[in-house]
Amino acid sequence: YLRLNSLPKKIPPVNYLAINVSLLPDFLYFPTHARY
């Protein structure tokens, strides 16, 4: 009864904001390399 009478929820797609990758935190940079 619960399975047949429950309707699936329609969730709209989520669009995440773009993140500038060049602004990574300092701990993600290697001390000898400035480029990825």
PDB file of all heavy atoms in Angstrom:
ATOM      1  N   TYR A   1       0.832  -1.201   0.000  1.00  0.00           N
ATOM      2  CA  TYR A   1       0.000   0.000   0.000  1.00  0.00           C
ATOM      3  C   TYR A   1       0.871   1.256   0.000  1.00  0.00           C
ATOM      4  O   TYR A   1       0.643   2.187  -0.773  1.00  0.00           O
ATOM      5  CB  TYR A   1      -0.928  -0.011   1.217  1.00  0.00           C
ATOM      6  CG  TYR A   1      -1.712   1.264   1.376  1.00  0.00           C
ATOM      7  CD1 TYR A   1      -2.832   1.514   0.609  1.00  0.00           C
ATOM      8  CD2 TYR A   1      -1.306   2.235   2.293  1.00  0.00           C
ATOM      9  CE1 TYR A   1      -3.544   2.692   0.742  1.00  0.00           C
ATOM     10  CE2 TYR A   1      -2.011   3.420   2.436  1.00  0.00           C
ATOM     11  CZ  TYR A   1      -3.125   3.644   1.655  1.00  0.00           C
ATOM     12  OH  TYR A   1      -3.822   4.816   1.788  1.00  0.00           O
ATOM     13  N   LEU A   2       1.867   1.277   0.874  1.00  0.00           N
ATOM     14  CA  LEU A   2       2.757   2.434   0.930  1.00  0.00           C
ATOM     15  C   LEU A   2       3.536   2.606  -0.363  1.00  0.00           C
ATOM     16  O   LEU A   2       3.751   3.722  -0.830  1.00  0.00           O
ATOM     17  CB  LEU A   2       3.714   2.299   2.115  1.00  0.00           C
ATOM     18  CG  LEU A   2       3.068   2.390   3.498  1.00  0.00           C
ATOM     19  CD1 LEU A   2       4.103   2.097   4.566  1.00  0.00           C
ATOM     20  CD2 LEU A   2       2.428   3.742   3.705  1.00  0.00           C
ATOM     21  N   ARG A   3       3.955   1.514  -0.945  1.00  0.00           N
ATOM     22  CA  ARG A   3       4.735   1.579  -2.184  1.00  0.00           C
ATOM     23  C   ARG A   3       3.892   2.076  -3.354  1.00  0.00           C
ATOM     24  O   ARG A   3       4.328   2.892  -4.151  1.00  0.00           O
ATOM     25  CB  ARG A   3       5.320   0.198  -2.497  1.00  0.00           C
ATOM     26  CG  ARG A   3       5.949   0.041  -3.848  1.00  0.00           C
ATOM     27  CD  ARG A   3       7.170   0.916  -3.986  1.00  0.00           C
ATOM     28  NE  ARG A   3       7.795   0.752  -5.264  1.00  0.00           N
ATOM     29  CZ  ARG A   3       7.606   1.563  -6.306  1.00  0.00           C
ATOM     30  NH1 ARG A   3       6.795   2.573  -6.202  1.00  0.00           N
ATOM     31  NH2 ARG A   3       8.220   1.345  -7.437  1.00  0.00           N
ATOM     32  N   LEU A   4       2.681   1.595  -3.458  1.00  0.00           N
ATOM     33  CA  LEU A   4       1.840   1.953  -4.599  1.00  0.00           C
ATOM     34  C   LEU A   4       1.225   3.345  -4.460  1.00  0.00           C
ATOM     35  O   LEU A   4       0.897   3.976  -5.459  1.00  0.00           O
ATOM     36  CB  LEU A   4       0.750   0.900  -4.794  1.00  0.00           C
ATOM     37  CG  LEU A   4       1.254  -0.493  -5.207  1.00  0.00           C
ATOM     38  CD1 LEU A   4       0.098  -1.478  -5.232  1.00  0.00           C
ATOM     39  CD2 LEU A   4       1.959  -0.441  -6.541  1.00  0.00           C
ATOM     40  N   ASN A   5       1.055   3.828  -3.242  1.00  0.00           N
ATOM     41  CA  ASN A   5       0.417   5.128  -3.042  1.00  0.00           C
ATOM     42  C   ASN A   5       1.400   6.261  -2.807  1.00  0.00           C
ATOM     43  O   ASN A   5       0.979   7.382  -2.566  1.00  0.00           O
ATOM     44  CB  ASN A   5      -0.583   5.051  -1.883  1.00  0.00           C
ATOM     45  CG  ASN A   5      -1.786   4.225  -2.252  1.00  0.00           C
ATOM     46  OD1 ASN A   5      -2.166   4.160  -3.408  1.00  0.00           O
ATOM     47  ND2 ASN A   5      -2.364   3.570  -1.279  1.00  0.00           N
ATOM     48  N   SER A   6       2.655   5.996  -2.845  1.00  0.00           N
ATOM     49  CA  SER A   6       3.630   7.078  -2.691  1.00  0.00           C
ATOM     50  C   SER A   6       4.150   7.466  -4.069  1.00  0.00           C
ATOM     51  O   SER A   6       4.483   6.617  -4.892  1.00  0.00           O
ATOM     52  CB  SER A   6       4.786   6.637  -1.803  1.00  0.00           C
ATOM     53  OG  SER A   6       5.485   5.585  -2.410  1.00  0.00           O
ATOM     54  N   LEU A   7       4.190   8.753  -4.314  1.00  0.00           N
ATOM     55  CA  LEU A   7       4.655   9.262  -5.599  1.00  0.00           C
ATOM     56  C   LEU A   7       6.114   9.673  -5.480  1.00  0.00           C
ATOM     57  O   LEU A   7       6.524  10.241  -4.469  1.00  0.00           O
ATOM     58  CB  LEU A   7       3.806  10.468  -6.020  1.00  0.00           C
ATOM     59  CG  LEU A   7       2.325  10.184  -6.244  1.00  0.00           C
ATOM     60  CD1 LEU A   7       1.595  11.483  -6.504  1.00  0.00           C
ATOM     61  CD2 LEU A   7       2.144   9.220  -7.392  1.00  0.00           C
ATOM     62  N   PRO A   8       6.881   9.423  -6.504  1.00  0.00           N
ATOM     63  CA  PRO A   8       8.278   9.862  -6.454  1.00  0.00           C
ATOM     64  C   PRO A   8       8.356  11.380  -6.526  1.00  0.00           C
ATOM     65  O   PRO A   8       7.571  12.037  -7.222  1.00  0.00           O
ATOM     66  CB  PRO A   8       8.916   9.211  -7.678  1.00  0.00           C
ATOM     67  CG  PRO A   8       7.786   8.858  -8.573  1.00  0.00           C
ATOM     68  CD  PRO A   8       6.579   8.677  -7.709  1.00  0.00           C
ATOM     69  N   LYS A   9       9.302  11.941  -5.792  1.00  0.00           N
ATOM     70  CA  LYS A   9       9.480  13.392  -5.799  1.00  0.00           C
ATOM     71  C   LYS A   9      10.326  13.788  -6.998  1.00  0.00           C
ATOM     72  O   LYS A   9      11.354  13.172  -7.267  1.00  0.00           O
ATOM     73  CB  LYS A   9      10.177  13.840  -4.515  1.00  0.00           C
ATOM     74  CG  LYS A   9       9.364  13.613  -3.283  1.00  0.00           C
ATOM     75  CD  LYS A   9      10.117  14.083  -2.060  1.00  0.00           C
ATOM     76  CE  LYS A   9       9.323  13.826  -0.797  1.00  0.00           C
ATOM     77  NZ  LYS A   9      10.072  14.228   0.398  1.00  0.00           N
ATOM     78  N   LYS A  10       9.872  14.804  -7.701  1.00  0.00           N
ATOM     79  CA  LYS A  10      10.640  15.298  -8.834  1.00  0.00           C
ATOM     80  C   LYS A  10      11.525  16.433  -8.348  1.00  0.00           C
ATOM     81  O   LYS A  10      11.047  17.478  -7.912  1.00  0.00           O
ATOM     82  CB  LYS A  10       9.717  15.783  -9.943  1.00  0.00           C
ATOM     83  CG  LYS A  10       8.926  14.660 -10.563  1.00  0.00           C
ATOM     84  CD  LYS A  10       8.092  15.130 -11.715  1.00  0.00           C
ATOM     85  CE  LYS A  10       7.347  13.953 -12.319  1.00  0.00           C
ATOM     86  NZ  LYS A  10       6.534  14.364 -13.452  1.00  0.00           N
ATOM     87  N   ILE A  11      12.819  16.197  -8.398  1.00  0.00           N
ATOM     88  CA  ILE A  11      13.785  17.184  -7.947  1.00  0.00           C
ATOM     89  C   ILE A  11      14.433  17.796  -9.177  1.00  0.00           C
ATOM     90  O   ILE A  11      14.950  17.073 -10.035  1.00  0.00           O
ATOM     91  CB  ILE A  11      14.840  16.531  -7.041  1.00  0.00           C
ATOM     92  CG1 ILE A  11      14.152  15.916  -5.821  1.00  0.00           C
ATOM     93  CG2 ILE A  11      15.893  17.543  -6.613  1.00  0.00           C
ATOM     94  CD1 ILE A  11      15.061  15.114  -4.939  1.00  0.00           C
ATOM     95  N   PRO A  12      14.404  19.122  -9.296  1.00  0.00           N
ATOM     96  CA  PRO A  12      14.998  19.743 -10.480  1.00  0.00           C
ATOM     97  C   PRO A  12      16.520  19.589 -10.462  1.00  0.00           C
ATOM     98  O   PRO A  12      17.127  19.390  -9.408  1.00  0.00           O
ATOM     99  CB  PRO A  12      14.589  21.215 -10.343  1.00  0.00           C
ATOM    100  CG  PRO A  12      14.360  21.407  -8.887  1.00  0.00           C
ATOM    101  CD  PRO A  12      13.854  20.102  -8.368  1.00  0.00           C
ATOM    102  N   PRO A  13      17.140  19.686 -11.619  1.00  0.00           N
ATOM    103  CA  PRO A  13      18.596  19.578 -11.663  1.00  0.00           C
ATOM    104  C   PRO A  13      19.243  20.754 -10.935  1.00  0.00           C
ATOM    105  O   PRO A  13      18.687  21.854 -10.874  1.00  0.00           O
ATOM    106  CB  PRO A  13      18.925  19.612 -13.155  1.00  0.00           C
ATOM    107  CG  PRO A  13      17.723  20.170 -13.818  1.00  0.00           C
ATOM    108  CD  PRO A  13      16.549  19.866 -12.937  1.00  0.00           C
ATOM    109  N   VAL A  14      20.406  20.492 -10.388  1.00  0.00           N
ATOM    110  CA  VAL A  14      21.116  21.512  -9.618  1.00  0.00           C
ATOM    111  C   VAL A  14      22.262  22.042 -10.464  1.00  0.00           C
ATOM    112  O   VAL A  14      23.053  21.273 -11.008  1.00  0.00           O
ATOM    113  CB  VAL A  14      21.664  20.911  -8.303  1.00  0.00           C
ATOM    114  CG1 VAL A  14      22.442  21.946  -7.531  1.00  0.00           C
ATOM    115  CG2 VAL A  14      20.522  20.362  -7.472  1.00  0.00           C
ATOM    116  N   ASN A  15      22.335  23.340 -10.576  1.00  0.00           N
ATOM    117  CA  ASN A  15      23.443  23.980 -11.282  1.00  0.00           C
ATOM    118  C   ASN A  15      24.344  24.646 -10.246  1.00  0.00           C
ATOM    119  O   ASN A  15      23.925  25.572  -9.556  1.00  0.00           O
ATOM    120  CB  ASN A  15      22.928  25.030 -12.274  1.00  0.00           C
ATOM    121  CG  ASN A  15      22.147  24.383 -13.390  1.00  0.00           C
ATOM    122  OD1 ASN A  15      22.496  23.314 -13.857  1.00  0.00           O
ATOM    123  ND2 ASN A  15      21.074  25.035 -13.808  1.00  0.00           N
ATOM    124  N   TYR A  16      25.552  24.165 -10.150  1.00  0.00           N
ATOM    125  CA  TYR A  16      26.499  24.719  -9.193  1.00  0.00           C
ATOM    126  C   TYR A  16      27.244  25.885  -9.826  1.00  0.00           C
ATOM    127  O   TYR A  16      27.477  25.921 -11.036  1.00  0.00           O
ATOM    128  CB  TYR A  16      27.491  23.641  -8.745  1.00  0.00           C
ATOM    129  CG  TYR A  16      26.834  22.544  -7.958  1.00  0.00           C
ATOM    130  CD1 TYR A  16      26.528  21.322  -8.554  1.00  0.00           C
ATOM    131  CD2 TYR A  16      26.505  22.727  -6.627  1.00  0.00           C
ATOM    132  CE1 TYR A  16      25.918  20.314  -7.840  1.00  0.00           C
ATOM    133  CE2 TYR A  16      25.895  21.727  -5.904  1.00  0.00           C
ATOM    134  CZ  TYR A  16      25.612  20.521  -6.510  1.00  0.00           C
ATOM    135  OH  TYR A  16      25.010  19.536  -5.803  1.00  0.00           O
ATOM    136  N   LEU A  17      27.606  26.827  -9.011  1.00  0.00           N
ATOM    137  CA  LEU A  17      28.355  27.976  -9.491  1.00  0.00           C
ATOM    138  C   LEU A  17      29.767  27.558  -9.885  1.00  0.00           C
ATOM    139  O   LEU A  17      30.363  26.670  -9.276  1.00  0.00           O
ATOM    140  CB  LEU A  17      28.417  29.046  -8.404  1.00  0.00           C
ATOM    141  CG  LEU A  17      27.059  29.622  -7.968  1.00  0.00           C
ATOM    142  CD1 LEU A  17      27.259  30.567  -6.801  1.00  0.00           C
ATOM    143  CD2 LEU A  17      26.395  30.328  -9.130  1.00  0.00           C
ATOM    144  N   ALA A  18      30.295  28.233 -10.895  1.00  0.00           N
ATOM    145  CA  ALA A  18      31.650  27.942 -11.338  1.00  0.00           C
ATOM    146  C   ALA A  18      32.646  28.441 -10.296  1.00  0.00           C
ATOM    147  O   ALA A  18      32.456  29.489  -9.679  1.00  0.00           O
ATOM    148  CB  ALA A  18      31.934  28.601 -12.675  1.00  0.00           C
ATOM    149  N   ILE A  19      33.704  27.669 -10.103  1.00  0.00           N
ATOM    150  CA  ILE A  19      34.741  28.029  -9.143  1.00  0.00           C
ATOM    151  C   ILE A  19      36.034  28.258  -9.911  1.00  0.00           C
ATOM    152  O   ILE A  19      36.407  27.450 -10.765  1.00  0.00           O
ATOM    153  CB  ILE A  19      34.938  26.909  -8.110  1.00  0.00           C
ATOM    154  CG1 ILE A  19      33.657  26.706  -7.314  1.00  0.00           C
ATOM    155  CG2 ILE A  19      36.087  27.222  -7.175  1.00  0.00           C
ATOM    156  CD1 ILE A  19      33.701  25.540  -6.363  1.00  0.00           C
ATOM    157  N   ASN A  20      36.683  29.344  -9.611  1.00  0.00           N
ATOM    158  CA  ASN A  20      37.953  29.637 -10.246  1.00  0.00           C
ATOM    159  C   ASN A  20      39.021  28.716  -9.654  1.00  0.00           C
ATOM    160  O   ASN A  20      39.351  28.795  -8.477  1.00  0.00           O
ATOM    161  CB  ASN A  20      38.333  31.105 -10.010  1.00  0.00           C
ATOM    162  CG  ASN A  20      39.543  31.503 -10.808  1.00  0.00           C
ATOM    163  OD1 ASN A  20      40.169  30.691 -11.475  1.00  0.00           O
ATOM    164  ND2 ASN A  20      39.880  32.793 -10.731  1.00  0.00           N
ATOM    165  N   VAL A  21      39.574  27.842 -10.476  1.00  0.00           N
ATOM    166  CA  VAL A  21      40.533  26.856 -10.000  1.00  0.00           C
ATOM    167  C   VAL A  21      41.890  27.488  -9.707  1.00  0.00           C
ATOM    168  O   VAL A  21      42.676  26.948  -8.946  1.00  0.00           O
ATOM    169  CB  VAL A  21      40.679  25.712 -11.044  1.00  0.00           C
ATOM    170  CG1 VAL A  21      41.576  24.625 -10.544  1.00  0.00           C
ATOM    171  CG2 VAL A  21      39.322  25.148 -11.384  1.00  0.00           C
ATOM    172  N   SER A  22      42.160  28.612 -10.283  1.00  0.00           N
ATOM    173  CA  SER A  22      43.452  29.243 -10.030  1.00  0.00           C
ATOM    174  C   SER A  22      43.532  29.824  -8.618  1.00  0.00           C
ATOM    175  O   SER A  22      44.599  30.192  -8.154  1.00  0.00           O
ATOM    176  CB  SER A  22      43.722  30.345 -11.060  1.00  0.00           C
ATOM    177  OG  SER A  22      42.749  31.359 -10.923  1.00  0.00           O
ATOM    178  N   LEU A  23      42.420  29.887  -7.926  1.00  0.00           N
ATOM    179  CA  LEU A  23      42.403  30.413  -6.568  1.00  0.00           C
ATOM    180  C   LEU A  23      42.344  29.291  -5.524  1.00  0.00           C
ATOM    181  O   LEU A  23      41.625  29.373  -4.547  1.00  0.00           O
ATOM    182  CB  LEU A  23      41.203  31.346  -6.372  1.00  0.00           C
ATOM    183  CG  LEU A  23      41.147  32.549  -7.308  1.00  0.00           C
ATOM    184  CD1 LEU A  23      39.868  33.324  -7.090  1.00  0.00           C
ATOM    185  CD2 LEU A  23      42.359  33.437  -7.075  1.00  0.00           C
ATOM    186  N   LEU A  24      43.105  28.250  -5.753  1.00  0.00           N
ATOM    187  CA  LEU A  24      43.129  27.137  -4.814  1.00  0.00           C
ATOM    188  C   LEU A  24      43.856  27.532  -3.540  1.00  0.00           C
ATOM    189  O   LEU A  24      44.711  28.421  -3.543  1.00  0.00           O
ATOM    190  CB  LEU A  24      43.845  25.936  -5.440  1.00  0.00           C
ATOM    191  CG  LEU A  24      43.092  25.226  -6.560  1.00  0.00           C
ATOM    192  CD1 LEU A  24      43.968  24.142  -7.158  1.00  0.00           C
ATOM    193  CD2 LEU A  24      41.817  24.620  -6.040  1.00  0.00           C
ATOM    194  N   PRO A  25      43.556  26.880  -2.426  1.00  0.00           N
ATOM    195  CA  PRO A  25      44.271  27.170  -1.188  1.00  0.00           C
ATOM    196  C   PRO A  25      45.756  26.824  -1.315  1.00  0.00           C
ATOM    197  O   PRO A  25      46.163  26.013  -2.149  1.00  0.00           O
ATOM    198  CB  PRO A  25      43.604  26.259  -0.161  1.00  0.00           C
ATOM    199  CG  PRO A  25      42.326  25.835  -0.759  1.00  0.00           C
ATOM    200  CD  PRO A  25      42.475  25.933  -2.232  1.00  0.00           C
ATOM    201  N   ASP A  26      46.560  27.437  -0.458  1.00  0.00           N
ATOM    202  CA  ASP A  26      48.007  27.264  -0.533  1.00  0.00           C
ATOM    203  C   ASP A  26      48.444  25.825  -0.300  1.00  0.00           C
ATOM    204  O   ASP A  26      49.458  25.379  -0.846  1.00  0.00           O
ATOM    205  CB  ASP A  26      48.703  28.188   0.479  1.00  0.00           C
ATOM    206  CG  ASP A  26      48.560  29.640   0.082  1.00  0.00           C
ATOM    207  OD1 ASP A  26      48.367  29.898  -1.128  1.00  0.00           O
ATOM    208  OD2 ASP A  26      48.639  30.500   0.979  1.00  0.00           O
ATOM    209  N   PHE A  27      47.734  25.064   0.513  1.00  0.00           N
ATOM    210  CA  PHE A  27      48.187  23.702   0.810  1.00  0.00           C
ATOM    211  C   PHE A  27      48.038  22.753  -0.383  1.00  0.00           C
ATOM    212  O   PHE A  27      48.566  21.659  -0.373  1.00  0.00           O
ATOM    213  CB  PHE A  27      47.461  23.125   2.032  1.00  0.00           C
ATOM    214  CG  PHE A  27      45.976  22.948   1.850  1.00  0.00           C
ATOM    215  CD1 PHE A  27      45.453  21.813   1.261  1.00  0.00           C
ATOM    216  CD2 PHE A  27      45.105  23.933   2.285  1.00  0.00           C
ATOM    217  CE1 PHE A  27      44.094  21.656   1.102  1.00  0.00           C
ATOM    218  CE2 PHE A  27      43.741  23.782   2.138  1.00  0.00           C
ATOM    219  CZ  PHE A  27      43.231  22.640   1.543  1.00  0.00           C
ATOM    220  N   LEU A  28      47.319  23.170  -1.435  1.00  0.00           N
ATOM    221  CA  LEU A  28      47.218  22.330  -2.622  1.00  0.00           C
ATOM    222  C   LEU A  28      48.346  22.583  -3.622  1.00  0.00           C
ATOM    223  O   LEU A  28      48.476  21.852  -4.589  1.00  0.00           O
ATOM    224  CB  LEU A  28      45.869  22.552  -3.310  1.00  0.00           C
ATOM    225  CG  LEU A  28      44.655  22.016  -2.547  1.00  0.00           C
ATOM    226  CD1 LEU A  28      43.382  22.348  -3.292  1.00  0.00           C
ATOM    227  CD2 LEU A  28      44.762  20.528  -2.325  1.00  0.00           C
ATOM    228  N   TYR A  29      49.133  23.602  -3.410  1.00  0.00           N
ATOM    229  CA  TYR A  29      50.252  23.875  -4.299  1.00  0.00           C
ATOM    230  C   TYR A  29      51.502  23.161  -3.793  1.00  0.00           C
ATOM    231  O   TYR A  29      51.736  23.077  -2.578  1.00  0.00           O
ATOM    232  CB  TYR A  29      50.558  25.385  -4.369  1.00  0.00           C
ATOM    233  CG  TYR A  29      49.550  26.173  -5.157  1.00  0.00           C
ATOM    234  CD1 TYR A  29      48.611  26.969  -4.519  1.00  0.00           C
ATOM    235  CD2 TYR A  29      49.531  26.114  -6.537  1.00  0.00           C
ATOM    236  CE1 TYR A  29      47.690  27.692  -5.238  1.00  0.00           C
ATOM    237  CE2 TYR A  29      48.608  26.828  -7.269  1.00  0.00           C
ATOM    238  CZ  TYR A  29      47.687  27.615  -6.619  1.00  0.00           C
ATOM    239  OH  TYR A  29      46.772  28.319  -7.334  1.00  0.00           O
ATOM    240  N   PHE A  30      52.267  22.645  -4.698  1.00  0.00           N
ATOM    241  CA  PHE A  30      53.565  22.081  -4.328  1.00  0.00           C
ATOM    242  C   PHE A  30      54.576  23.224  -4.295  1.00  0.00           C
ATOM    243  O   PHE A  30      54.521  24.117  -5.132  1.00  0.00           O
ATOM    244  CB  PHE A  30      53.986  21.012  -5.339  1.00  0.00           C
ATOM    245  CG  PHE A  30      53.092  19.816  -5.335  1.00  0.00           C
ATOM    246  CD1 PHE A  30      52.178  19.614  -6.354  1.00  0.00           C
ATOM    247  CD2 PHE A  30      53.132  18.917  -4.288  1.00  0.00           C
ATOM    248  CE1 PHE A  30      51.347  18.526  -6.346  1.00  0.00           C
ATOM    249  CE2 PHE A  30      52.304  17.827  -4.278  1.00  0.00           C
ATOM    250  CZ  PHE A  30      51.400  17.623  -5.311  1.00  0.00           C
ATOM    251  N   PRO A  31      55.501  23.201  -3.359  1.00  0.00           N
ATOM    252  CA  PRO A  31      56.418  24.335  -3.243  1.00  0.00           C
ATOM    253  C   PRO A  31      57.316  24.515  -4.460  1.00  0.00           C
ATOM    254  O   PRO A  31      57.734  25.625  -4.759  1.00  0.00           O
ATOM    255  CB  PRO A  31      57.236  24.015  -2.000  1.00  0.00           C
ATOM    256  CG  PRO A  31      56.947  22.623  -1.642  1.00  0.00           C
ATOM    257  CD  PRO A  31      55.712  22.207  -2.341  1.00  0.00           C
ATOM    258  N   THR A  32      57.591  23.449  -5.204  1.00  0.00           N
ATOM    259  CA  THR A  32      58.513  23.567  -6.333  1.00  0.00           C
ATOM    260  C   THR A  32      57.784  23.824  -7.643  1.00  0.00           C
ATOM    261  O   THR A  32      58.413  24.187  -8.624  1.00  0.00           O
ATOM    262  CB  THR A  32      59.356  22.297  -6.469  1.00  0.00           C
ATOM    263  OG1 THR A  32      58.475  21.187  -6.652  1.00  0.00           O
ATOM    264  CG2 THR A  32      60.213  22.084  -5.233  1.00  0.00           C
ATOM    265  N   HIS A  33      56.489  23.604  -7.719  1.00  0.00           N
ATOM    266  CA  HIS A  33      55.755  23.745  -8.982  1.00  0.00           C
ATOM    267  C   HIS A  33      54.727  24.862  -8.850  1.00  0.00           C
ATOM    268  O   HIS A  33      53.943  24.908  -7.919  1.00  0.00           O
ATOM    269  CB  HIS A  33      55.030  22.452  -9.346  1.00  0.00           C
ATOM    270  CG  HIS A  33      55.963  21.290  -9.508  1.00  0.00           C
ATOM    271  ND1 HIS A  33      56.837  21.183 -10.548  1.00  0.00           N
ATOM    272  CD2 HIS A  33      56.164  20.194  -8.747  1.00  0.00           C
ATOM    273  CE1 HIS A  33      57.524  20.069 -10.442  1.00  0.00           C
ATOM    274  NE2 HIS A  33      57.136  19.448  -9.338  1.00  0.00           N
ATOM    275  N   ALA A  34      54.700  25.753  -9.796  1.00  0.00           N
ATOM    276  CA  ALA A  34      53.708  26.818  -9.809  1.00  0.00           C
ATOM    277  C   ALA A  34      52.555  26.478 -10.739  1.00  0.00           C
ATOM    278  O   ALA A  34      51.537  27.137 -10.716  1.00  0.00           O
ATOM    279  CB  ALA A  34      54.365  28.116 -10.250  1.00  0.00           C
ATOM    280  N   ARG A  35      52.734  25.443 -11.579  1.00  0.00           N
ATOM    281  CA  ARG A  35      51.693  25.069 -12.529  1.00  0.00           C
ATOM    282  C   ARG A  35      51.112  23.714 -12.146  1.00  0.00           C
ATOM    283  O   ARG A  35      51.739  22.917 -11.466  1.00  0.00           O
ATOM    284  CB  ARG A  35      52.290  24.992 -13.940  1.00  0.00           C
ATOM    285  CG  ARG A  35      52.901  26.315 -14.390  1.00  0.00           C
ATOM    286  CD  ARG A  35      53.560  26.180 -15.724  1.00  0.00           C
ATOM    287  NE  ARG A  35      52.525  25.973 -16.737  1.00  0.00           N
ATOM    288  CZ  ARG A  35      52.783  25.590 -17.977  1.00  0.00           C
ATOM    289  NH1 ARG A  35      54.020  25.376 -18.359  1.00  0.00           N
ATOM    290  NH2 ARG A  35      51.821  25.441 -18.838  1.00  0.00           N
ATOM    291  N   TYR A  36      49.897  23.442 -12.622  1.00  0.00           N
ATOM    292  CA  TYR A  36      49.273  22.152 -12.377  1.00  0.00           C
ATOM    293  C   TYR A  36      49.910  21.102 -13.266  1.00  0.00           C
ATOM    294  O   TYR A  36      50.374  21.383 -14.366  1.00  0.00           O
ATOM    295  CB  TYR A  36      47.770  22.210 -12.693  1.00  0.00           C
ATOM    296  CG  TYR A  36      47.025  23.190 -11.847  1.00  0.00           C
ATOM    297  CD1 TYR A  36      46.505  24.349 -12.407  1.00  0.00           C
ATOM    298  CD2 TYR A  36      46.839  22.952 -10.507  1.00  0.00           C
ATOM    299  CE1 TYR A  36      45.814  25.252 -11.641  1.00  0.00           C
ATOM    300  CE2 TYR A  36      46.156  23.865  -9.729  1.00  0.00           C
ATOM    301  CZ  TYR A  36      45.645  25.001 -10.294  1.00  0.00           C
ATOM    302  OH  TYR A  36      44.966  25.901  -9.536  1.00  0.00           O
TER     303      TYR A  36
END
